[in-house]
C-alpha cells in the first residue's frame, strides 16, 4: 500500500478490525519511511455487475456513482457518513453478478433512504421518478404519511 504522504510502499499494519457491519476490514497503517499514519478499507470483490439503463445502454456498476447520488439526496440532512456507507453496502449486497436494471438499483436506494430519512427519500425519488409538478410531490408525501 503506497503512503498517501510520501508515496513509499513500505508500511506496517497497526490495527485491523471489521467495519461496515462485517462487509469490510478497516486497517490502520503506518508508513515505515515517513511515519505517517493512514486508514485503508478492504472489501470483497464481487462479480461484475452491469447496469442496464432506461435507454437500453449497459455500463459497469460504479459504487462511486451510487455514493454521489445518495450523498446528493442526503445533502444538509442529519445523516452521517457511516449511515451513507451502510446504505451503500446494503444496496451492493443485494446486487448479484450479471445484469441489473437501473430501476432495481434506484428502488433499492429509495428503500434504504425511506428507512433512514424521508426528506432524502423525496429528493431522490423526485429525480428518479422525474417529478414534473407539485402534485407528484404531494402524492409521494401523502404515501409516506399513510405508512
N, C-alpha and C. Protein backbone atom coordinates (compact mmCIF):
# COMPACT_ATOMS: atom_id res chain seq x y z
N UNK A 1 0.86 -1.17 0.00
CA UNK A 1 0.00 0.00 0.00
C UNK A 1 0.90 1.23 0.00
N UNK A 2 0.69 2.14 -0.93
CA UNK A 2 1.51 3.35 -1.01
C UNK A 2 1.05 4.38 0.01
N UNK A 3 2.01 5.01 0.65
CA UNK A 3 1.73 6.06 1.62
C UNK A 3 1.15 7.27 0.89
N UNK A 4 0.02 7.81 1.36
CA UNK A 4 -0.57 8.98 0.70
C UNK A 4 0.27 10.25 0.87
N UNK A 5 1.21 10.24 1.81
CA UNK A 5 2.03 11.43 2.05
C UNK A 5 3.33 11.41 1.24
N UNK A 6 4.07 10.29 1.32
CA UNK A 6 5.39 10.26 0.66
C UNK A 6 5.45 9.33 -0.55
N UNK A 7 4.47 8.45 -0.73
CA UNK A 7 4.43 7.57 -1.89
C UNK A 7 5.19 6.27 -1.75
N UNK A 8 5.85 6.05 -0.64
CA UNK A 8 6.58 4.79 -0.43
C UNK A 8 5.58 3.66 -0.21
N UNK A 9 5.97 2.44 -0.59
CA UNK A 9 5.05 1.32 -0.43
C UNK A 9 5.46 0.38 0.69
N UNK A 10 6.22 0.89 1.64
CA UNK A 10 6.64 0.10 2.79
C UNK A 10 5.87 0.61 4.01
N UNK A 11 4.93 -0.20 4.50
CA UNK A 11 4.16 0.20 5.67
C UNK A 11 3.92 -1.00 6.56
N UNK A 12 3.44 -0.73 7.75
CA UNK A 12 3.07 -1.82 8.65
C UNK A 12 1.65 -1.59 9.15
N UNK A 13 0.95 -2.68 9.38
CA UNK A 13 -0.43 -2.61 9.86
C UNK A 13 -0.40 -2.54 11.38
N UNK A 14 -1.03 -1.50 11.92
CA UNK A 14 -1.08 -1.31 13.37
C UNK A 14 -2.31 -1.96 13.99
N UNK A 15 -3.42 -1.94 13.24
CA UNK A 15 -4.68 -2.44 13.78
C UNK A 15 -5.59 -2.88 12.64
N UNK A 16 -6.29 -3.98 12.81
CA UNK A 16 -7.29 -4.46 11.85
C UNK A 16 -8.56 -4.79 12.60
N UNK A 17 -9.68 -4.38 12.02
CA UNK A 17 -10.97 -4.74 12.63
C UNK A 17 -12.05 -4.70 11.57
N UNK A 18 -13.14 -5.39 11.86
CA UNK A 18 -14.27 -5.42 10.94
C UNK A 18 -14.93 -4.04 10.90
N UNK A 19 -15.43 -3.70 9.72
CA UNK A 19 -16.10 -2.41 9.55
C UNK A 19 -17.34 -2.62 8.69
N UNK A 20 -18.23 -1.63 8.71
CA UNK A 20 -19.44 -1.65 7.88
C UNK A 20 -20.22 -2.96 8.03
N UNK A 21 -20.48 -3.30 9.28
CA UNK A 21 -21.25 -4.50 9.62
C UNK A 21 -20.63 -5.76 9.02
N UNK A 22 -19.30 -5.84 9.01
CA UNK A 22 -18.61 -7.03 8.52
C UNK A 22 -18.39 -7.06 7.02
N UNK A 23 -18.83 -6.04 6.30
CA UNK A 23 -18.69 -6.02 4.84
C UNK A 23 -17.30 -5.56 4.41
N UNK A 24 -16.50 -5.06 5.35
CA UNK A 24 -15.17 -4.57 5.02
C UNK A 24 -14.25 -4.76 6.23
N UNK A 25 -12.96 -4.63 5.98
CA UNK A 25 -11.97 -4.66 7.05
C UNK A 25 -11.27 -3.31 7.05
N UNK A 26 -11.23 -2.68 8.21
CA UNK A 26 -10.56 -1.40 8.38
C UNK A 26 -9.16 -1.69 8.90
N UNK A 27 -8.15 -1.14 8.22
CA UNK A 27 -6.77 -1.33 8.65
C UNK A 27 -6.13 0.02 8.92
N UNK A 28 -5.53 0.15 10.08
CA UNK A 28 -4.77 1.35 10.43
C UNK A 28 -3.32 1.03 10.12
N UNK A 29 -2.69 1.88 9.30
CA UNK A 29 -1.34 1.61 8.83
C UNK A 29 -0.40 2.75 9.19
N UNK A 30 0.90 2.43 9.22
CA UNK A 30 1.93 3.44 9.44
C UNK A 30 3.03 3.25 8.42
N UNK A 31 3.40 4.33 7.73
CA UNK A 31 4.47 4.29 6.74
C UNK A 31 5.80 4.13 7.47
N UNK A 32 6.60 3.16 7.02
CA UNK A 32 7.91 2.93 7.64
C UNK A 32 8.92 4.00 7.24
N UNK A 33 8.68 4.69 6.12
CA UNK A 33 9.61 5.71 5.65
C UNK A 33 9.42 7.05 6.36
N UNK A 34 8.17 7.54 6.44
CA UNK A 34 7.95 8.88 7.00
C UNK A 34 7.16 8.88 8.31
N UNK A 35 6.60 7.73 8.70
CA UNK A 35 5.86 7.64 9.96
C UNK A 35 4.42 8.09 9.89
N UNK A 36 3.94 8.51 8.69
CA UNK A 36 2.56 8.96 8.52
C UNK A 36 1.60 7.80 8.76
N UNK A 37 0.53 8.07 9.50
CA UNK A 37 -0.49 7.04 9.75
C UNK A 37 -1.70 7.30 8.87
N UNK A 38 -2.27 6.21 8.33
CA UNK A 38 -3.44 6.34 7.47
C UNK A 38 -4.29 5.09 7.58
N UNK A 39 -5.54 5.20 7.11
CA UNK A 39 -6.51 4.12 7.21
C UNK A 39 -6.87 3.62 5.82
N UNK A 40 -6.98 2.29 5.68
CA UNK A 40 -7.45 1.70 4.43
C UNK A 40 -8.61 0.77 4.74
N UNK A 41 -9.41 0.51 3.71
CA UNK A 41 -10.53 -0.42 3.84
C UNK A 41 -10.38 -1.50 2.78
N UNK A 42 -10.64 -2.73 3.18
CA UNK A 42 -10.57 -3.87 2.26
C UNK A 42 -11.98 -4.44 2.16
N UNK A 43 -12.46 -4.62 0.91
CA UNK A 43 -13.81 -5.12 0.68
C UNK A 43 -13.77 -6.35 -0.20
N UNK A 44 -14.85 -7.10 -0.19
CA UNK A 44 -15.00 -8.25 -1.05
C UNK A 44 -15.14 -7.77 -2.49
N UNK A 45 -14.41 -8.39 -3.39
CA UNK A 45 -14.51 -8.06 -4.81
C UNK A 45 -15.62 -8.94 -5.39
N UNK A 46 -16.76 -8.33 -5.65
CA UNK A 46 -17.93 -9.07 -6.12
C UNK A 46 -17.85 -9.30 -7.63
N UNK A 47 -18.68 -10.24 -8.09
CA UNK A 47 -18.77 -10.48 -9.52
C UNK A 47 -19.16 -9.20 -10.23
N UNK A 48 -18.72 -9.08 -11.46
CA UNK A 48 -19.00 -7.89 -12.26
C UNK A 48 -20.51 -7.70 -12.43
N UNK A 49 -20.98 -6.51 -12.07
CA UNK A 49 -22.39 -6.16 -12.24
C UNK A 49 -22.47 -5.14 -13.37
N UNK A 50 -23.35 -5.38 -14.32
CA UNK A 50 -23.58 -4.47 -15.43
C UNK A 50 -24.96 -3.85 -15.24
N UNK A 51 -25.01 -2.52 -15.31
CA UNK A 51 -26.26 -1.78 -15.13
C UNK A 51 -26.89 -1.54 -16.49
N UNK A 52 -28.16 -1.93 -16.61
CA UNK A 52 -28.92 -1.68 -17.84
C UNK A 52 -29.73 -0.42 -17.61
N UNK A 53 -29.41 0.63 -18.36
CA UNK A 53 -30.05 1.94 -18.20
C UNK A 53 -31.43 1.93 -18.87
N UNK A 54 -32.20 2.98 -18.63
CA UNK A 54 -33.55 3.09 -19.20
C UNK A 54 -33.53 3.03 -20.73
N UNK A 55 -32.50 3.62 -21.33
CA UNK A 55 -32.43 3.66 -22.79
C UNK A 55 -31.85 2.38 -23.39
N UNK A 56 -31.56 1.38 -22.56
CA UNK A 56 -31.06 0.10 -23.03
C UNK A 56 -29.54 -0.02 -23.05
N UNK A 57 -28.84 1.09 -22.81
CA UNK A 57 -27.38 1.01 -22.79
C UNK A 57 -26.92 0.29 -21.52
N UNK A 58 -25.72 -0.25 -21.61
CA UNK A 58 -25.16 -1.00 -20.49
C UNK A 58 -23.84 -0.37 -20.08
N UNK A 59 -23.61 -0.34 -18.77
CA UNK A 59 -22.35 0.15 -18.27
C UNK A 59 -22.01 -0.57 -16.97
N UNK A 60 -20.72 -0.68 -16.64
CA UNK A 60 -20.34 -1.36 -15.40
C UNK A 60 -20.88 -0.61 -14.17
N UNK A 61 -21.25 -1.36 -13.16
CA UNK A 61 -21.72 -0.75 -11.92
C UNK A 61 -20.59 0.05 -11.30
N UNK A 62 -20.89 1.25 -10.84
CA UNK A 62 -19.90 2.15 -10.25
C UNK A 62 -20.36 2.55 -8.86
N UNK A 63 -19.69 2.03 -7.86
CA UNK A 63 -20.04 2.32 -6.47
C UNK A 63 -19.92 3.82 -6.18
N UNK A 64 -18.94 4.48 -6.79
CA UNK A 64 -18.74 5.91 -6.57
C UNK A 64 -19.94 6.72 -7.07
N UNK A 65 -20.51 6.29 -8.19
CA UNK A 65 -21.68 6.98 -8.74
C UNK A 65 -22.87 6.83 -7.78
N UNK A 66 -23.03 5.65 -7.22
CA UNK A 66 -24.09 5.40 -6.24
C UNK A 66 -23.87 6.27 -5.01
N UNK A 67 -22.64 6.33 -4.55
CA UNK A 67 -22.28 7.16 -3.40
C UNK A 67 -22.62 8.63 -3.66
N UNK A 68 -22.28 9.12 -4.83
CA UNK A 68 -22.54 10.52 -5.18
C UNK A 68 -24.04 10.82 -5.19
N UNK A 69 -24.84 9.90 -5.76
CA UNK A 69 -26.28 10.10 -5.84
C UNK A 69 -26.91 10.13 -4.44
N UNK A 70 -26.48 9.22 -3.59
CA UNK A 70 -27.04 9.17 -2.23
C UNK A 70 -26.61 10.40 -1.44
N UNK A 71 -25.35 10.78 -1.55
CA UNK A 71 -24.88 11.97 -0.83
C UNK A 71 -25.60 13.23 -1.31
N UNK A 72 -25.90 13.30 -2.59
CA UNK A 72 -26.63 14.45 -3.12
C UNK A 72 -28.03 14.51 -2.51
N UNK A 73 -28.71 13.37 -2.42
CA UNK A 73 -30.04 13.33 -1.82
C UNK A 73 -30.01 13.65 -0.33
N UNK A 74 -28.92 13.29 0.33
CA UNK A 74 -28.79 13.48 1.78
C UNK A 74 -28.15 14.82 2.15
N UNK A 75 -27.88 15.66 1.17
CA UNK A 75 -27.22 16.94 1.42
C UNK A 75 -27.93 17.76 2.48
N UNK A 76 -27.16 18.26 3.43
CA UNK A 76 -27.65 19.11 4.52
C UNK A 76 -28.71 18.44 5.38
N UNK A 77 -28.68 17.12 5.43
CA UNK A 77 -29.57 16.35 6.31
C UNK A 77 -28.72 15.75 7.42
N UNK A 78 -29.31 15.44 8.56
CA UNK A 78 -28.53 14.88 9.68
C UNK A 78 -28.23 13.39 9.48
N UNK A 79 -27.49 13.09 8.42
CA UNK A 79 -27.14 11.71 8.10
C UNK A 79 -25.62 11.60 8.07
N UNK A 80 -25.08 10.68 8.86
CA UNK A 80 -23.63 10.55 8.99
C UNK A 80 -23.03 9.79 7.80
N UNK A 81 -21.72 9.92 7.66
CA UNK A 81 -21.00 9.17 6.62
C UNK A 81 -21.17 7.67 6.83
N UNK A 82 -21.16 7.24 8.08
CA UNK A 82 -21.33 5.81 8.36
C UNK A 82 -22.71 5.32 7.90
N UNK A 83 -23.74 6.13 8.10
CA UNK A 83 -25.08 5.74 7.65
C UNK A 83 -25.11 5.64 6.12
N UNK A 84 -24.46 6.57 5.45
CA UNK A 84 -24.43 6.53 3.99
C UNK A 84 -23.68 5.29 3.51
N UNK A 85 -22.53 5.02 4.12
CA UNK A 85 -21.77 3.82 3.73
C UNK A 85 -22.57 2.55 3.98
N UNK A 86 -23.30 2.52 5.08
CA UNK A 86 -24.13 1.35 5.39
C UNK A 86 -25.23 1.18 4.35
N UNK A 87 -25.87 2.29 3.95
CA UNK A 87 -26.90 2.20 2.91
C UNK A 87 -26.31 1.65 1.62
N UNK A 88 -25.15 2.16 1.23
CA UNK A 88 -24.49 1.70 0.01
C UNK A 88 -24.16 0.22 0.13
N UNK A 89 -23.62 -0.20 1.28
CA UNK A 89 -23.29 -1.62 1.49
C UNK A 89 -24.53 -2.49 1.35
N UNK A 90 -25.67 -2.03 1.90
CA UNK A 90 -26.91 -2.82 1.80
C UNK A 90 -27.36 -2.96 0.35
N UNK A 91 -27.27 -1.86 -0.41
CA UNK A 91 -27.66 -1.90 -1.82
C UNK A 91 -26.74 -2.84 -2.59
N UNK A 92 -25.43 -2.69 -2.40
CA UNK A 92 -24.46 -3.52 -3.13
C UNK A 92 -24.62 -4.99 -2.77
N UNK A 93 -24.92 -5.27 -1.50
CA UNK A 93 -25.09 -6.66 -1.07
C UNK A 93 -26.28 -7.33 -1.75
N UNK A 94 -27.28 -6.54 -2.11
CA UNK A 94 -28.48 -7.10 -2.75
C UNK A 94 -28.31 -7.27 -4.26
N UNK A 95 -27.24 -6.71 -4.81
CA UNK A 95 -26.98 -6.86 -6.24
C UNK A 95 -26.24 -8.16 -6.47
N UNK A 96 -26.61 -8.86 -7.49
CA UNK A 96 -25.94 -10.10 -7.84
C UNK A 96 -25.22 -9.89 -9.16
N UNK A 97 -24.23 -10.73 -9.44
CA UNK A 97 -23.49 -10.60 -10.69
C UNK A 97 -24.39 -10.66 -11.90
N UNK A 98 -23.92 -10.16 -13.01
CA UNK A 98 -24.71 -10.16 -14.23
C UNK A 98 -25.31 -8.79 -14.47
N UNK A 99 -26.44 -8.78 -15.15
CA UNK A 99 -27.09 -7.52 -15.50
C UNK A 99 -28.19 -7.18 -14.50
N UNK A 100 -28.23 -5.90 -14.13
CA UNK A 100 -29.23 -5.41 -13.19
C UNK A 100 -29.79 -4.12 -13.78
N UNK A 101 -31.11 -3.99 -13.76
CA UNK A 101 -31.73 -2.78 -14.26
C UNK A 101 -31.49 -1.60 -13.34
N UNK A 102 -31.32 -0.42 -13.94
CA UNK A 102 -31.12 0.80 -13.15
C UNK A 102 -32.32 1.04 -12.25
N UNK A 103 -33.51 0.63 -12.70
CA UNK A 103 -34.71 0.83 -11.89
C UNK A 103 -34.66 0.00 -10.61
N UNK A 104 -34.07 -1.20 -10.67
CA UNK A 104 -33.95 -2.04 -9.47
C UNK A 104 -32.99 -1.39 -8.48
N UNK A 105 -31.89 -0.86 -8.97
CA UNK A 105 -30.92 -0.19 -8.10
C UNK A 105 -31.57 1.03 -7.46
N UNK A 106 -32.29 1.81 -8.26
CA UNK A 106 -32.96 3.00 -7.74
C UNK A 106 -33.98 2.63 -6.67
N UNK A 107 -34.71 1.55 -6.88
CA UNK A 107 -35.70 1.12 -5.89
C UNK A 107 -35.02 0.69 -4.59
N UNK A 108 -33.89 -0.01 -4.70
CA UNK A 108 -33.14 -0.40 -3.50
C UNK A 108 -32.66 0.84 -2.74
N UNK A 109 -32.18 1.84 -3.47
CA UNK A 109 -31.73 3.09 -2.84
C UNK A 109 -32.90 3.78 -2.16
N UNK A 110 -34.05 3.85 -2.85
CA UNK A 110 -35.22 4.50 -2.26
C UNK A 110 -35.68 3.78 -1.00
N UNK A 111 -35.61 2.45 -0.99
CA UNK A 111 -35.97 1.69 0.21
C UNK A 111 -35.05 2.06 1.38
N UNK A 112 -33.75 2.13 1.11
CA UNK A 112 -32.79 2.49 2.16
C UNK A 112 -33.03 3.92 2.65
N UNK A 113 -33.22 4.85 1.72
CA UNK A 113 -33.45 6.24 2.10
C UNK A 113 -34.76 6.40 2.87
N UNK A 114 -35.78 5.66 2.47
CA UNK A 114 -37.08 5.74 3.15
C UNK A 114 -36.93 5.34 4.61
N UNK A 115 -36.12 4.32 4.89
CA UNK A 115 -35.89 3.87 6.27
C UNK A 115 -35.02 4.86 7.05
N UNK A 116 -34.16 5.59 6.35
CA UNK A 116 -33.19 6.46 7.01
C UNK A 116 -33.68 7.89 7.18
N UNK A 117 -34.18 8.50 6.10
CA UNK A 117 -34.58 9.91 6.14
C UNK A 117 -35.59 10.17 5.03
N UNK A 118 -36.79 10.56 5.42
CA UNK A 118 -37.87 10.73 4.45
C UNK A 118 -37.64 11.91 3.50
N UNK A 119 -36.97 12.96 3.97
CA UNK A 119 -36.69 14.10 3.09
C UNK A 119 -35.70 13.69 2.00
N UNK A 120 -34.65 12.96 2.39
CA UNK A 120 -33.69 12.46 1.40
C UNK A 120 -34.38 11.52 0.41
N UNK A 121 -35.31 10.73 0.92
CA UNK A 121 -36.08 9.82 0.05
C UNK A 121 -36.85 10.63 -1.01
N UNK A 122 -37.55 11.68 -0.59
CA UNK A 122 -38.32 12.51 -1.52
C UNK A 122 -37.39 13.16 -2.54
N UNK A 123 -36.25 13.64 -2.09
CA UNK A 123 -35.29 14.25 -3.01
C UNK A 123 -34.86 13.26 -4.09
N UNK A 124 -34.48 12.06 -3.67
CA UNK A 124 -34.01 11.05 -4.62
C UNK A 124 -35.15 10.63 -5.54
N UNK A 125 -36.32 10.38 -4.96
CA UNK A 125 -37.47 9.93 -5.75
C UNK A 125 -37.88 10.98 -6.78
N UNK A 126 -37.78 12.25 -6.43
CA UNK A 126 -38.19 13.30 -7.36
C UNK A 126 -37.31 13.32 -8.60
N UNK A 127 -36.05 12.97 -8.45
CA UNK A 127 -35.15 12.92 -9.60
C UNK A 127 -35.36 11.62 -10.37
N UNK A 128 -35.39 10.50 -9.64
CA UNK A 128 -35.51 9.20 -10.29
C UNK A 128 -36.85 9.06 -11.03
N UNK A 129 -37.92 9.44 -10.36
CA UNK A 129 -39.26 9.32 -10.97
C UNK A 129 -39.59 10.49 -11.88
N UNK A 130 -38.70 11.46 -11.96
CA UNK A 130 -38.84 12.62 -12.84
C UNK A 130 -40.15 13.38 -12.58
N UNK A 131 -40.32 13.81 -11.32
CA UNK A 131 -41.50 14.60 -10.98
C UNK A 131 -41.54 15.85 -11.86
N UNK A 132 -42.73 16.16 -12.36
CA UNK A 132 -42.87 17.32 -13.25
C UNK A 132 -43.69 18.44 -12.64
N UNK A 133 -44.42 18.13 -11.55
CA UNK A 133 -45.21 19.19 -10.92
C UNK A 133 -45.37 18.92 -9.42
N UNK A 134 -45.95 19.87 -8.74
CA UNK A 134 -46.13 19.79 -7.30
C UNK A 134 -47.07 18.65 -6.91
N UNK A 135 -48.03 18.33 -7.74
CA UNK A 135 -48.98 17.25 -7.43
C UNK A 135 -48.25 15.93 -7.22
N UNK A 136 -47.23 15.68 -8.00
CA UNK A 136 -46.47 14.44 -7.83
C UNK A 136 -45.71 14.43 -6.50
N UNK A 137 -45.17 15.59 -6.10
CA UNK A 137 -44.54 15.70 -4.78
C UNK A 137 -45.55 15.41 -3.69
N UNK A 138 -46.73 16.02 -3.79
CA UNK A 138 -47.76 15.82 -2.78
C UNK A 138 -48.20 14.37 -2.69
N UNK A 139 -48.30 13.71 -3.83
CA UNK A 139 -48.68 12.31 -3.84
C UNK A 139 -47.62 11.46 -3.12
N UNK A 140 -46.34 11.71 -3.40
CA UNK A 140 -45.26 10.96 -2.75
C UNK A 140 -45.25 11.22 -1.24
N UNK A 141 -45.47 12.46 -0.84
CA UNK A 141 -45.50 12.79 0.58
C UNK A 141 -46.70 12.15 1.26
N UNK A 142 -47.83 12.14 0.60
CA UNK A 142 -49.03 11.50 1.14
C UNK A 142 -48.80 10.01 1.35
N UNK A 143 -48.11 9.36 0.44
CA UNK A 143 -47.79 7.94 0.59
C UNK A 143 -46.93 7.70 1.82
N UNK A 144 -45.98 8.60 2.08
CA UNK A 144 -45.12 8.47 3.27
C UNK A 144 -45.93 8.64 4.53
N UNK A 145 -46.81 9.63 4.55
CA UNK A 145 -47.62 9.92 5.74
C UNK A 145 -48.54 8.73 6.05
N UNK A 146 -49.10 8.09 5.02
CA UNK A 146 -50.01 6.95 5.21
C UNK A 146 -49.30 5.76 5.84
N UNK A 147 -48.03 5.59 5.56
CA UNK A 147 -47.26 4.45 6.09
C UNK A 147 -46.93 4.72 7.49
